[in-house]
Structure formats: C-alpha cells, structure tokens
Amino acid sequence: PGDWNAVTVRNIQLPKTKINLVWTRTNEGSELEANNSGDPVHLIYSPEIPLGSKLKDARWNGKPIHGRLEEHSQDAHATVDLELPHGASHITLNYAGGVSLVLPQVHPLIGDPSQAIKLIGVKLNGSTYTVDAEVDTAEASNFQLRTDRKVVAVHGATWKSLSAGTYEFTVSPVDTSYNYHAVEIVVDLAPSH
C-alpha cells in the first residue's frame, strides 16, 4: 500500500540461496537491505517512485551504480540491475519531486459490497495532475497526494493541507440510484523547480 513506509520479507527461497529483504521509504527516496545467505543472484530492484520525479542518485553499499528512470503514462520506477553477492547489501535510490497518490486502506469482510474509491487512472501533464476514479455515491471518498509542489487549485473535489507536502482530497456523495459514479479530479500544481 502507498502509505506503508517499510516492508520486511524473509526467507525468499531461490535455487542455492535464501534472501531476506527490508525496504524502507525515506524523505529522499528508498532503501533496500538485502541479505543473501547463498550463491550470488541477479536482482532487478525497481520500486515505484512519485510520478514526475527525477532520479538523482543510485548507490550500492555506498558506491555509485547505474540507475535508470522508467517513466510510463501513469507511473514511474527507479531501476537498478545487479548481481547480489553472498552477505549483506544496501541499495539506495534518491529522487526528488513528483506526485504520489495514496488511497486509503480498506478492510472489507467476505461478502461486503465495494465501498472504496476505485482508481481508473492518473496523469501528470506539466503542472496539472488528473485523477480519474469511480467513487461511492452513498458516502464521501478520500485520497491523499504527496508532493513537494504547492496545490494551487482543485476541480471536482474539496481539499485541505494535512502537513507540508501532504494534501487530502474529498469527493462528496451524490444522490443517484447507482452505487458508484465516475469523477475526474483536476489538481493544478505550482510549477516544479
């Protein structure tokens, strides 16, 4: 989930090795601690990063390595490709800028109808960030944006600043016979520096 800042995965069994991974989101990017208990293994580390961000730096055990920015229409990834040796390794990806959308976590029970926001797509075009979604007609739907850019105006939702760089958007319920309706939320951002 988009609001998690750390994940640990243990005992990934591969031929001739077992790997433990600890991923952490930092203010400047992300870090991956990998512990390989066996033979070297090829690793492609490609976490999603904020849409529109710039990859500043990639490091493996403190030394610079080649990292590449892979930009797609609705998301971006910072990617490094390396041979993970036996023992502990530390990979750091530093990036700046961009926009991240964070949807609220939901915990439906078996048989419960859908109630959460359904994300259809996002797009960043210069200083305009667009969210296409389907929202519950019976109750308000919320999501957050994390960005170092200031929100200037919003169309299709109300918004408030939660903290420096974190904004919450709310789509009000509507009176209709359908459970969901399509919305487009357009967020005008201050230009990036």
N, C-alpha and C. Protein backbone atom coordinates (compact mmCIF):
# COMPACT_ATOMS: atom_id res chain seq x y z
N PRO A 1 0.81 -1.22 0.00
CA PRO A 1 0.00 0.00 0.00
C PRO A 1 0.85 1.27 0.00
N GLY A 2 0.31 2.31 -0.61
CA GLY A 2 1.04 3.54 -0.78
C GLY A 2 1.42 4.27 0.49
N ASP A 3 0.75 3.98 1.60
CA ASP A 3 1.09 4.68 2.83
C ASP A 3 2.05 3.89 3.72
N TRP A 4 2.51 2.73 3.27
CA TRP A 4 3.50 1.99 4.04
C TRP A 4 4.87 2.61 3.82
N ASN A 5 5.65 2.72 4.89
CA ASN A 5 7.00 3.28 4.79
C ASN A 5 8.08 2.22 4.97
N ALA A 6 7.67 0.99 5.26
CA ALA A 6 8.65 -0.09 5.40
C ALA A 6 7.96 -1.44 5.20
N VAL A 7 8.71 -2.38 4.63
CA VAL A 7 8.23 -3.75 4.43
C VAL A 7 9.40 -4.69 4.63
N THR A 8 9.17 -5.78 5.34
CA THR A 8 10.17 -6.82 5.52
C THR A 8 9.64 -8.13 4.93
N VAL A 9 10.47 -8.78 4.11
CA VAL A 9 10.12 -10.08 3.54
C VAL A 9 11.29 -11.02 3.88
N ARG A 10 10.98 -12.12 4.56
CA ARG A 10 12.03 -13.04 5.00
C ARG A 10 11.89 -14.39 4.30
N ASN A 11 13.02 -15.06 4.20
CA ASN A 11 13.09 -16.44 3.73
C ASN A 11 12.56 -16.63 2.31
N ILE A 12 12.99 -15.77 1.40
CA ILE A 12 12.65 -15.96 -0.02
C ILE A 12 13.56 -17.07 -0.53
N GLN A 13 12.98 -18.22 -0.79
CA GLN A 13 13.77 -19.40 -1.18
C GLN A 13 13.97 -19.41 -2.69
N LEU A 14 15.23 -19.39 -3.11
CA LEU A 14 15.62 -19.50 -4.51
C LEU A 14 16.56 -20.68 -4.64
N PRO A 15 16.79 -21.17 -5.87
CA PRO A 15 17.78 -22.25 -6.01
C PRO A 15 19.14 -21.80 -5.46
N LYS A 16 19.68 -22.53 -4.55
CA LYS A 16 21.02 -22.32 -3.98
C LYS A 16 21.14 -21.08 -3.09
N THR A 17 20.02 -20.48 -2.67
CA THR A 17 20.11 -19.35 -1.76
C THR A 17 18.78 -19.05 -1.09
N LYS A 18 18.87 -18.30 -0.03
CA LYS A 18 17.69 -17.77 0.66
C LYS A 18 17.99 -16.29 0.91
N ILE A 19 16.97 -15.44 0.66
CA ILE A 19 17.18 -13.99 0.75
C ILE A 19 16.17 -13.37 1.70
N ASN A 20 16.64 -12.40 2.48
CA ASN A 20 15.78 -11.56 3.31
C ASN A 20 15.89 -10.13 2.79
N LEU A 21 14.75 -9.44 2.70
CA LEU A 21 14.72 -8.06 2.20
C LEU A 21 14.01 -7.15 3.19
N VAL A 22 14.55 -5.94 3.35
CA VAL A 22 13.90 -4.90 4.13
C VAL A 22 13.89 -3.64 3.27
N TRP A 23 12.69 -3.21 2.87
CA TRP A 23 12.52 -2.00 2.06
C TRP A 23 12.04 -0.88 2.97
N THR A 24 12.62 0.32 2.79
CA THR A 24 12.25 1.49 3.59
C THR A 24 12.12 2.70 2.69
N ARG A 25 11.01 3.46 2.86
CA ARG A 25 10.86 4.75 2.18
C ARG A 25 11.53 5.80 3.05
N THR A 26 12.32 6.66 2.42
CA THR A 26 12.98 7.75 3.13
C THR A 26 12.46 9.08 2.58
N ASN A 27 12.86 10.18 3.18
CA ASN A 27 12.47 11.50 2.67
C ASN A 27 13.06 11.78 1.29
N GLU A 28 14.18 11.16 0.98
CA GLU A 28 14.86 11.40 -0.29
C GLU A 28 14.67 10.29 -1.31
N GLY A 29 14.04 9.18 -0.92
CA GLY A 29 13.90 8.07 -1.86
C GLY A 29 13.53 6.78 -1.17
N SER A 30 14.29 5.72 -1.48
CA SER A 30 14.04 4.43 -0.83
C SER A 30 15.35 3.67 -0.66
N GLU A 31 15.32 2.73 0.28
CA GLU A 31 16.48 1.89 0.56
C GLU A 31 16.05 0.44 0.59
N LEU A 32 16.94 -0.43 0.17
CA LEU A 32 16.70 -1.87 0.23
C LEU A 32 17.90 -2.53 0.90
N GLU A 33 17.64 -3.19 2.02
CA GLU A 33 18.65 -4.02 2.67
C GLU A 33 18.38 -5.45 2.23
N ALA A 34 19.38 -6.09 1.65
CA ALA A 34 19.23 -7.46 1.18
C ALA A 34 20.29 -8.33 1.84
N ASN A 35 19.88 -9.47 2.37
CA ASN A 35 20.82 -10.41 2.96
C ASN A 35 20.68 -11.72 2.21
N ASN A 36 21.75 -12.09 1.50
CA ASN A 36 21.78 -13.28 0.66
C ASN A 36 22.61 -14.34 1.39
N SER A 37 21.99 -15.46 1.77
CA SER A 37 22.71 -16.48 2.54
C SER A 37 23.39 -17.54 1.68
N GLY A 38 23.28 -17.39 0.35
CA GLY A 38 23.86 -18.42 -0.52
C GLY A 38 24.63 -17.84 -1.68
N ASP A 39 24.49 -18.50 -2.85
CA ASP A 39 25.19 -18.09 -4.06
C ASP A 39 24.68 -16.73 -4.55
N PRO A 40 25.52 -16.02 -5.33
CA PRO A 40 25.06 -14.75 -5.92
C PRO A 40 23.81 -14.96 -6.77
N VAL A 41 22.98 -13.92 -6.83
CA VAL A 41 21.73 -13.98 -7.58
C VAL A 41 21.52 -12.64 -8.28
N HIS A 42 20.93 -12.70 -9.47
CA HIS A 42 20.65 -11.48 -10.23
C HIS A 42 19.43 -10.79 -9.62
N LEU A 43 19.54 -9.49 -9.33
CA LEU A 43 18.46 -8.73 -8.72
C LEU A 43 18.13 -7.51 -9.58
N ILE A 44 16.86 -7.35 -9.88
CA ILE A 44 16.37 -6.12 -10.50
C ILE A 44 15.49 -5.45 -9.45
N TYR A 45 15.95 -4.32 -8.96
CA TYR A 45 15.22 -3.56 -7.95
C TYR A 45 14.59 -2.37 -8.66
N SER A 46 13.24 -2.31 -8.66
CA SER A 46 12.54 -1.32 -9.46
C SER A 46 11.29 -0.80 -8.72
N PRO A 47 11.49 -0.06 -7.63
CA PRO A 47 10.32 0.44 -6.90
C PRO A 47 9.64 1.59 -7.64
N GLU A 48 8.33 1.69 -7.43
CA GLU A 48 7.60 2.84 -7.96
C GLU A 48 8.04 4.08 -7.20
N ILE A 49 8.22 5.17 -7.94
CA ILE A 49 8.57 6.45 -7.34
C ILE A 49 7.52 7.47 -7.77
N PRO A 50 7.47 8.63 -7.13
CA PRO A 50 6.44 9.60 -7.50
C PRO A 50 6.46 9.96 -8.98
N LEU A 51 5.28 10.03 -9.57
CA LEU A 51 5.14 10.39 -10.98
C LEU A 51 5.70 11.79 -11.20
N GLY A 52 6.59 11.93 -12.17
CA GLY A 52 7.20 13.22 -12.47
C GLY A 52 8.47 13.51 -11.69
N SER A 53 8.93 12.57 -10.86
CA SER A 53 10.15 12.82 -10.09
C SER A 53 11.39 12.58 -10.94
N LYS A 54 12.51 13.04 -10.45
CA LYS A 54 13.80 12.89 -11.12
C LYS A 54 14.70 12.01 -10.27
N LEU A 55 15.33 11.01 -10.89
CA LEU A 55 16.28 10.16 -10.19
C LEU A 55 17.59 10.91 -10.04
N LYS A 56 18.01 11.13 -8.80
CA LYS A 56 19.24 11.88 -8.52
C LYS A 56 20.45 10.98 -8.38
N ASP A 57 20.24 9.78 -7.79
CA ASP A 57 21.40 9.01 -7.38
C ASP A 57 21.00 7.57 -7.11
N ALA A 58 21.88 6.63 -7.46
CA ALA A 58 21.70 5.22 -7.10
C ALA A 58 23.02 4.72 -6.52
N ARG A 59 22.93 4.01 -5.39
CA ARG A 59 24.15 3.53 -4.71
C ARG A 59 23.95 2.10 -4.23
N TRP A 60 25.06 1.36 -4.27
CA TRP A 60 25.09 0.01 -3.75
C TRP A 60 26.25 -0.05 -2.77
N ASN A 61 25.94 -0.33 -1.50
CA ASN A 61 26.94 -0.33 -0.43
C ASN A 61 27.76 0.96 -0.42
N GLY A 62 27.08 2.08 -0.66
CA GLY A 62 27.71 3.40 -0.60
C GLY A 62 28.39 3.85 -1.87
N LYS A 63 28.53 2.97 -2.86
CA LYS A 63 29.23 3.33 -4.10
C LYS A 63 28.21 3.60 -5.21
N PRO A 64 28.47 4.61 -6.06
CA PRO A 64 27.53 4.91 -7.15
C PRO A 64 27.39 3.74 -8.12
N ILE A 65 26.15 3.48 -8.55
CA ILE A 65 25.87 2.48 -9.58
C ILE A 65 24.91 3.11 -10.59
N HIS A 66 24.79 2.45 -11.72
CA HIS A 66 23.89 2.97 -12.76
C HIS A 66 22.44 2.68 -12.37
N GLY A 67 21.66 3.74 -12.32
CA GLY A 67 20.22 3.61 -12.10
C GLY A 67 19.50 4.26 -13.27
N ARG A 68 18.34 3.78 -13.59
CA ARG A 68 17.61 4.40 -14.70
C ARG A 68 16.19 4.72 -14.26
N LEU A 69 15.68 5.80 -14.83
CA LEU A 69 14.32 6.23 -14.58
C LEU A 69 13.45 5.66 -15.69
N GLU A 70 12.40 4.92 -15.31
CA GLU A 70 11.47 4.36 -16.28
C GLU A 70 10.12 5.05 -16.09
N GLU A 71 9.81 5.95 -17.02
CA GLU A 71 8.57 6.71 -16.92
C GLU A 71 7.52 6.12 -17.86
N HIS A 72 6.34 5.93 -17.31
CA HIS A 72 5.19 5.43 -18.06
C HIS A 72 4.09 6.48 -17.94
N SER A 73 3.00 6.28 -18.64
CA SER A 73 1.95 7.31 -18.64
C SER A 73 1.32 7.50 -17.26
N GLN A 74 1.27 6.46 -16.42
CA GLN A 74 0.60 6.59 -15.13
C GLN A 74 1.49 6.31 -13.93
N ASP A 75 2.73 5.93 -14.14
CA ASP A 75 3.64 5.74 -13.01
C ASP A 75 5.08 5.83 -13.47
N ALA A 76 5.99 5.84 -12.49
CA ALA A 76 7.42 5.91 -12.77
C ALA A 76 8.14 4.95 -11.82
N HIS A 77 9.26 4.40 -12.29
CA HIS A 77 10.06 3.49 -11.49
C HIS A 77 11.53 3.88 -11.60
N ALA A 78 12.25 3.75 -10.49
CA ALA A 78 13.71 3.87 -10.50
C ALA A 78 14.23 2.44 -10.46
N THR A 79 15.13 2.10 -11.38
CA THR A 79 15.54 0.70 -11.54
C THR A 79 17.05 0.56 -11.51
N VAL A 80 17.50 -0.44 -10.75
CA VAL A 80 18.90 -0.86 -10.78
C VAL A 80 18.92 -2.37 -11.02
N ASP A 81 19.97 -2.81 -11.70
CA ASP A 81 20.12 -4.19 -12.12
C ASP A 81 21.50 -4.62 -11.64
N LEU A 82 21.58 -5.64 -10.77
CA LEU A 82 22.90 -6.02 -10.24
C LEU A 82 22.95 -7.47 -9.82
N GLU A 83 24.16 -7.96 -9.61
CA GLU A 83 24.38 -9.29 -9.06
C GLU A 83 24.51 -9.14 -7.55
N LEU A 84 23.59 -9.75 -6.84
CA LEU A 84 23.57 -9.66 -5.39
C LEU A 84 24.49 -10.74 -4.83
N PRO A 85 25.60 -10.34 -4.21
CA PRO A 85 26.56 -11.33 -3.71
C PRO A 85 26.09 -11.96 -2.40
N HIS A 86 26.82 -12.95 -1.95
CA HIS A 86 26.58 -13.54 -0.64
C HIS A 86 26.78 -12.45 0.42
N GLY A 87 25.94 -12.44 1.43
CA GLY A 87 26.08 -11.48 2.52
C GLY A 87 25.10 -10.32 2.42
N ALA A 88 25.41 -9.26 3.15
CA ALA A 88 24.52 -8.10 3.24
C ALA A 88 24.85 -7.09 2.16
N SER A 89 23.80 -6.50 1.59
CA SER A 89 23.94 -5.42 0.60
C SER A 89 22.95 -4.32 0.95
N HIS A 90 23.35 -3.10 0.63
CA HIS A 90 22.50 -1.93 0.89
C HIS A 90 22.37 -1.14 -0.41
N ILE A 91 21.14 -1.00 -0.90
CA ILE A 91 20.87 -0.27 -2.14
C ILE A 91 20.07 0.98 -1.78
N THR A 92 20.51 2.12 -2.29
CA THR A 92 19.83 3.39 -2.03
C THR A 92 19.49 4.05 -3.36
N LEU A 93 18.23 4.48 -3.48
CA LEU A 93 17.79 5.26 -4.64
C LEU A 93 17.30 6.60 -4.12
N ASN A 94 17.89 7.69 -4.61
CA ASN A 94 17.48 9.02 -4.21
C ASN A 94 16.82 9.72 -5.39
N TYR A 95 15.68 10.32 -5.14
CA TYR A 95 14.95 11.04 -6.18
C TYR A 95 14.36 12.30 -5.57
N ALA A 96 13.90 13.18 -6.45
CA ALA A 96 13.34 14.46 -5.99
C ALA A 96 12.11 14.79 -6.81
N GLY A 97 11.16 15.46 -6.16
CA GLY A 97 9.97 15.96 -6.84
C GLY A 97 8.94 14.88 -7.08
N GLY A 98 8.00 15.22 -7.96
CA GLY A 98 6.96 14.28 -8.34
C GLY A 98 5.72 14.33 -7.47
N VAL A 99 4.77 13.48 -7.81
CA VAL A 99 3.47 13.42 -7.13
C VAL A 99 3.13 11.96 -6.88
N SER A 100 2.77 11.64 -5.62
CA SER A 100 2.32 10.29 -5.26
C SER A 100 0.88 10.34 -4.80
N LEU A 101 0.06 9.42 -5.30
CA LEU A 101 -1.31 9.29 -4.86
C LEU A 101 -1.39 8.16 -3.85
N VAL A 102 -2.04 8.41 -2.73
CA VAL A 102 -2.19 7.41 -1.67
C VAL A 102 -3.67 7.19 -1.42
N LEU A 103 -4.12 5.97 -1.69
CA LEU A 103 -5.52 5.61 -1.44
C LEU A 103 -5.65 5.07 -0.02
N PRO A 104 -6.79 5.29 0.62
CA PRO A 104 -6.97 4.76 1.98
C PRO A 104 -7.04 3.24 1.96
N GLN A 105 -6.53 2.63 3.01
CA GLN A 105 -6.64 1.18 3.14
C GLN A 105 -8.07 0.82 3.52
N VAL A 106 -8.57 -0.23 2.94
CA VAL A 106 -9.89 -0.74 3.30
C VAL A 106 -9.76 -2.19 3.71
N HIS A 107 -10.64 -2.62 4.57
CA HIS A 107 -10.59 -3.99 5.07
C HIS A 107 -11.98 -4.61 5.01
N PRO A 108 -12.47 -4.89 3.79
CA PRO A 108 -13.82 -5.46 3.67
C PRO A 108 -13.85 -6.90 4.18
N LEU A 109 -15.00 -7.27 4.67
CA LEU A 109 -15.23 -8.65 5.07
C LEU A 109 -15.75 -9.42 3.87
N ILE A 110 -15.62 -10.73 3.90
CA ILE A 110 -16.12 -11.57 2.81
C ILE A 110 -17.61 -11.29 2.62
N GLY A 111 -17.99 -11.01 1.38
CA GLY A 111 -19.38 -10.74 1.06
C GLY A 111 -19.78 -9.28 1.12
N ASP A 112 -18.91 -8.42 1.67
CA ASP A 112 -19.22 -6.99 1.72
C ASP A 112 -19.18 -6.39 0.32
N PRO A 113 -20.10 -5.48 0.01
CA PRO A 113 -20.03 -4.80 -1.29
C PRO A 113 -18.88 -3.80 -1.30
N SER A 114 -18.40 -3.46 -2.48
CA SER A 114 -17.34 -2.46 -2.61
C SER A 114 -17.84 -1.11 -2.11
N GLN A 115 -16.96 -0.39 -1.42
CA GLN A 115 -17.29 0.95 -0.97
C GLN A 115 -16.14 1.92 -1.18
N ALA A 116 -14.96 1.42 -1.40
CA ALA A 116 -13.79 2.28 -1.52
C ALA A 116 -13.71 2.90 -2.90
N ILE A 117 -12.93 3.96 -2.99
CA ILE A 117 -12.68 4.61 -4.26
C ILE A 117 -12.00 3.62 -5.21
N LYS A 118 -12.41 3.64 -6.47
CA LYS A 118 -11.82 2.77 -7.49
C LYS A 118 -11.02 3.65 -8.43
N LEU A 119 -9.72 3.52 -8.38
CA LEU A 119 -8.83 4.33 -9.22
C LEU A 119 -8.84 3.80 -10.64
N ILE A 120 -9.16 4.66 -11.60
CA ILE A 120 -9.16 4.29 -13.02
C ILE A 120 -7.84 4.69 -13.67
N GLY A 121 -7.35 5.88 -13.35
CA GLY A 121 -6.09 6.32 -13.93
C GLY A 121 -5.66 7.66 -13.38
N VAL A 122 -4.36 7.96 -13.55
CA VAL A 122 -3.80 9.25 -13.18
C VAL A 122 -2.93 9.75 -14.33
N LYS A 123 -2.74 11.06 -14.37
CA LYS A 123 -1.92 11.65 -15.43
C LYS A 123 -1.31 12.93 -14.89
N LEU A 124 -0.04 13.13 -15.18
CA LEU A 124 0.65 14.38 -14.84
C LEU A 124 1.08 15.02 -16.14
N ASN A 125 0.52 16.18 -16.42
CA ASN A 125 0.84 16.91 -17.64
C ASN A 125 1.30 18.30 -17.23
N GLY A 126 2.62 18.50 -17.15
CA GLY A 126 3.16 19.78 -16.70
C GLY A 126 2.78 20.02 -15.24
N SER A 127 1.97 21.04 -15.01
CA SER A 127 1.54 21.38 -13.66
C SER A 127 0.12 20.92 -13.35
N THR A 128 -0.43 20.03 -14.19
CA THR A 128 -1.79 19.54 -13.97
C THR A 128 -1.77 18.04 -13.71
N TYR A 129 -2.29 17.66 -12.54
CA TYR A 129 -2.39 16.25 -12.15
C TYR A 129 -3.86 15.87 -12.19
N THR A 130 -4.21 14.84 -12.95
CA THR A 130 -5.60 14.43 -13.12
C THR A 130 -5.81 13.03 -12.57
N VAL A 131 -6.87 12.88 -11.79
CA VAL A 131 -7.25 11.59 -11.23
C VAL A 131 -8.62 11.22 -11.79
N ASP A 132 -8.71 10.07 -12.46
CA ASP A 132 -9.99 9.52 -12.91
C ASP A 132 -10.32 8.35 -11.99
N ALA A 133 -11.53 8.40 -11.42
CA ALA A 133 -11.91 7.38 -10.45
C ALA A 133 -13.41 7.15 -10.49
N GLU A 134 -13.82 6.06 -9.86
CA GLU A 134 -15.22 5.83 -9.56
C GLU A 134 -15.35 5.88 -8.05
N VAL A 135 -16.35 6.64 -7.57
CA VAL A 135 -16.50 6.82 -6.14
C VAL A 135 -17.88 6.37 -5.68
N ASP A 136 -17.96 5.98 -4.43
CA ASP A 136 -19.20 5.55 -3.80
C ASP A 136 -20.17 6.73 -3.78
N THR A 137 -21.40 6.48 -4.18
CA THR A 137 -22.38 7.57 -4.21
C THR A 137 -23.01 7.81 -2.84
N ALA A 138 -22.87 6.87 -1.90
CA ALA A 138 -23.54 6.98 -0.60
C ALA A 138 -22.70 7.69 0.46
N GLU A 139 -21.38 7.72 0.28
CA GLU A 139 -20.54 8.37 1.29
C GLU A 139 -19.35 9.04 0.62
N ALA A 140 -18.73 9.95 1.33
CA ALA A 140 -17.58 10.69 0.80
C ALA A 140 -16.41 9.74 0.53
N SER A 141 -15.65 10.06 -0.51
CA SER A 141 -14.45 9.29 -0.86
C SER A 141 -13.24 10.19 -0.70
N ASN A 142 -12.18 9.65 -0.10
CA ASN A 142 -10.97 10.43 0.16
C ASN A 142 -9.74 9.77 -0.44
N PHE A 143 -8.75 10.59 -0.75
CA PHE A 143 -7.42 10.12 -1.10
C PHE A 143 -6.44 11.23 -0.77
N GLN A 144 -5.15 10.89 -0.78
CA GLN A 144 -4.12 11.88 -0.48
C GLN A 144 -3.14 12.00 -1.63
N LEU A 145 -2.54 13.16 -1.75
CA LEU A 145 -1.41 13.38 -2.64
C LEU A 145 -0.23 13.80 -1.79
N ARG A 146 0.94 13.26 -2.13
CA ARG A 146 2.20 13.68 -1.50
C ARG A 146 3.05 14.30 -2.60
N THR A 147 3.45 15.54 -2.39
CA THR A 147 4.24 16.25 -3.38
C THR A 147 4.97 17.41 -2.73
N ASP A 148 6.10 17.78 -3.30
CA ASP A 148 6.79 18.98 -2.81
C ASP A 148 6.28 20.23 -3.51
N ARG A 149 5.32 20.05 -4.42
CA ARG A 149 4.73 21.17 -5.15
C ARG A 149 3.47 21.65 -4.42
N LYS A 150 3.24 22.94 -4.42
CA LYS A 150 2.08 23.51 -3.76
C LYS A 150 0.83 23.30 -4.62
N VAL A 151 -0.28 22.92 -3.99
CA VAL A 151 -1.56 22.82 -4.68
C VAL A 151 -2.10 24.24 -4.84
N VAL A 152 -2.43 24.61 -6.07
CA VAL A 152 -2.92 25.96 -6.38
C VAL A 152 -4.44 25.96 -6.47
N ALA A 153 -5.03 24.98 -7.14
CA ALA A 153 -6.48 24.89 -7.31
C ALA A 153 -6.87 23.44 -7.55
N VAL A 154 -8.13 23.11 -7.24
CA VAL A 154 -8.65 21.76 -7.43
C VAL A 154 -10.05 21.86 -8.01
N HIS A 155 -10.34 21.02 -8.99
CA HIS A 155 -11.66 20.94 -9.62
C HIS A 155 -12.18 19.52 -9.45
N GLY A 156 -13.39 19.37 -8.94
CA GLY A 156 -14.00 18.05 -8.79
C GLY A 156 -13.92 17.47 -7.39
N ALA A 157 -13.30 18.19 -6.45
CA ALA A 157 -13.18 17.71 -5.07
C ALA A 157 -12.87 18.89 -4.17
N THR A 158 -13.06 18.71 -2.88
CA THR A 158 -12.57 19.69 -1.92
C THR A 158 -11.21 19.19 -1.44
N TRP A 159 -10.43 20.08 -0.85
CA TRP A 159 -9.09 19.66 -0.42
C TRP A 159 -8.65 20.46 0.79
N LYS A 160 -7.68 19.87 1.49
CA LYS A 160 -7.04 20.57 2.60
C LYS A 160 -5.62 20.06 2.73
N SER A 161 -4.78 20.90 3.27
CA SER A 161 -3.39 20.53 3.53
C SER A 161 -3.33 19.83 4.88
N LEU A 162 -2.74 18.63 4.92
CA LEU A 162 -2.61 17.89 6.17
C LEU A 162 -1.29 18.21 6.86
N SER A 163 -0.25 18.41 6.06
CA SER A 163 1.08 18.74 6.55
C SER A 163 1.88 19.21 5.36
N ALA A 164 3.11 19.61 5.59
CA ALA A 164 3.95 20.06 4.48
C ALA A 164 4.09 18.92 3.47
N GLY A 165 3.58 19.14 2.26
CA GLY A 165 3.71 18.16 1.20
C GLY A 165 2.65 17.08 1.17
N THR A 166 1.67 17.10 2.07
CA THR A 166 0.60 16.10 2.08
C THR A 166 -0.75 16.79 2.05
N TYR A 167 -1.56 16.42 1.06
CA TYR A 167 -2.88 17.02 0.86
C TYR A 167 -3.94 15.93 0.84
N GLU A 168 -5.12 16.24 1.40
CA GLU A 168 -6.23 15.30 1.36
C GLU A 168 -7.34 15.87 0.49
N PHE A 169 -7.93 15.00 -0.35
CA PHE A 169 -8.99 15.38 -1.27
C PHE A 169 -10.23 14.58 -0.94
N THR A 170 -11.39 15.23 -1.01
CA THR A 170 -12.66 14.58 -0.68
C THR A 170 -13.65 14.82 -1.80
N VAL A 171 -14.26 13.73 -2.27
CA VAL A 171 -15.34 13.80 -3.25
C VAL A 171 -16.62 13.52 -2.49
N SER A 172 -17.56 14.46 -2.53
CA SER A 172 -18.81 14.34 -1.79
C SER A 172 -19.73 13.30 -2.42
N PRO A 173 -20.60 12.68 -1.60
CA PRO A 173 -21.58 11.72 -2.15
C PRO A 173 -22.59 12.46 -3.04
N VAL A 174 -23.22 11.70 -3.93
CA VAL A 174 -24.25 12.28 -4.81
C VAL A 174 -25.51 11.44 -4.70
N ASP A 175 -26.62 12.04 -5.00
CA ASP A 175 -27.90 11.36 -4.95
C ASP A 175 -28.17 10.71 -6.30
N THR A 176 -28.01 9.41 -6.38
CA THR A 176 -28.23 8.66 -7.60
C THR A 176 -28.63 7.23 -7.25
N SER A 177 -29.19 6.52 -8.18
CA SER A 177 -29.59 5.14 -7.92
C SER A 177 -28.42 4.16 -8.10
N TYR A 178 -27.30 4.63 -8.62
CA TYR A 178 -26.13 3.77 -8.81
C TYR A 178 -25.26 3.77 -7.57
N ASN A 179 -24.50 2.69 -7.37
CA ASN A 179 -23.59 2.60 -6.22
C ASN A 179 -22.34 3.44 -6.42
N TYR A 180 -21.90 3.59 -7.66
CA TYR A 180 -20.68 4.33 -7.97
C TYR A 180 -20.95 5.30 -9.10
N HIS A 181 -20.16 6.37 -9.14
CA HIS A 181 -20.21 7.25 -10.30
C HIS A 181 -18.79 7.71 -10.63
N ALA A 182 -18.58 7.99 -11.92
CA ALA A 182 -17.26 8.39 -12.40
C ALA A 182 -17.01 9.86 -12.09
N VAL A 183 -15.78 10.15 -11.68
CA VAL A 183 -15.37 11.53 -11.40
C VAL A 183 -14.01 11.78 -12.02
N GLU A 184 -13.76 13.04 -12.31
CA GLU A 184 -12.42 13.48 -12.72
C GLU A 184 -12.04 14.61 -11.77
N ILE A 185 -10.92 14.43 -11.08
CA ILE A 185 -10.40 15.45 -10.19
C ILE A 185 -9.15 16.03 -10.84
N VAL A 186 -9.15 17.34 -11.03
CA VAL A 186 -8.02 18.01 -11.67
C VAL A 186 -7.35 18.89 -10.61
N VAL A 187 -6.06 18.64 -10.39
CA VAL A 187 -5.29 19.37 -9.38
C VAL A 187 -4.26 20.23 -10.12
N ASP A 188 -4.37 21.53 -9.95
CA ASP A 188 -3.39 22.46 -10.51
C ASP A 188 -2.29 22.67 -9.48
N LEU A 189 -1.05 22.40 -9.89
CA LEU A 189 0.11 22.49 -9.00
C LEU A 189 0.97 23.68 -9.40
N ALA A 190 1.69 24.20 -8.42
CA ALA A 190 2.69 25.22 -8.73
C ALA A 190 3.78 24.57 -9.57
N PRO A 191 4.40 25.32 -10.46
CA PRO A 191 5.46 24.73 -11.30
C PRO A 191 6.58 24.13 -10.45
N SER A 192 7.18 23.05 -10.96
CA SER A 192 8.31 22.44 -10.24
C SER A 192 9.55 23.29 -10.43
N HIS A 193 10.44 23.15 -9.48
CA HIS A 193 11.66 23.98 -9.51
C HIS A 193 12.78 23.25 -10.19
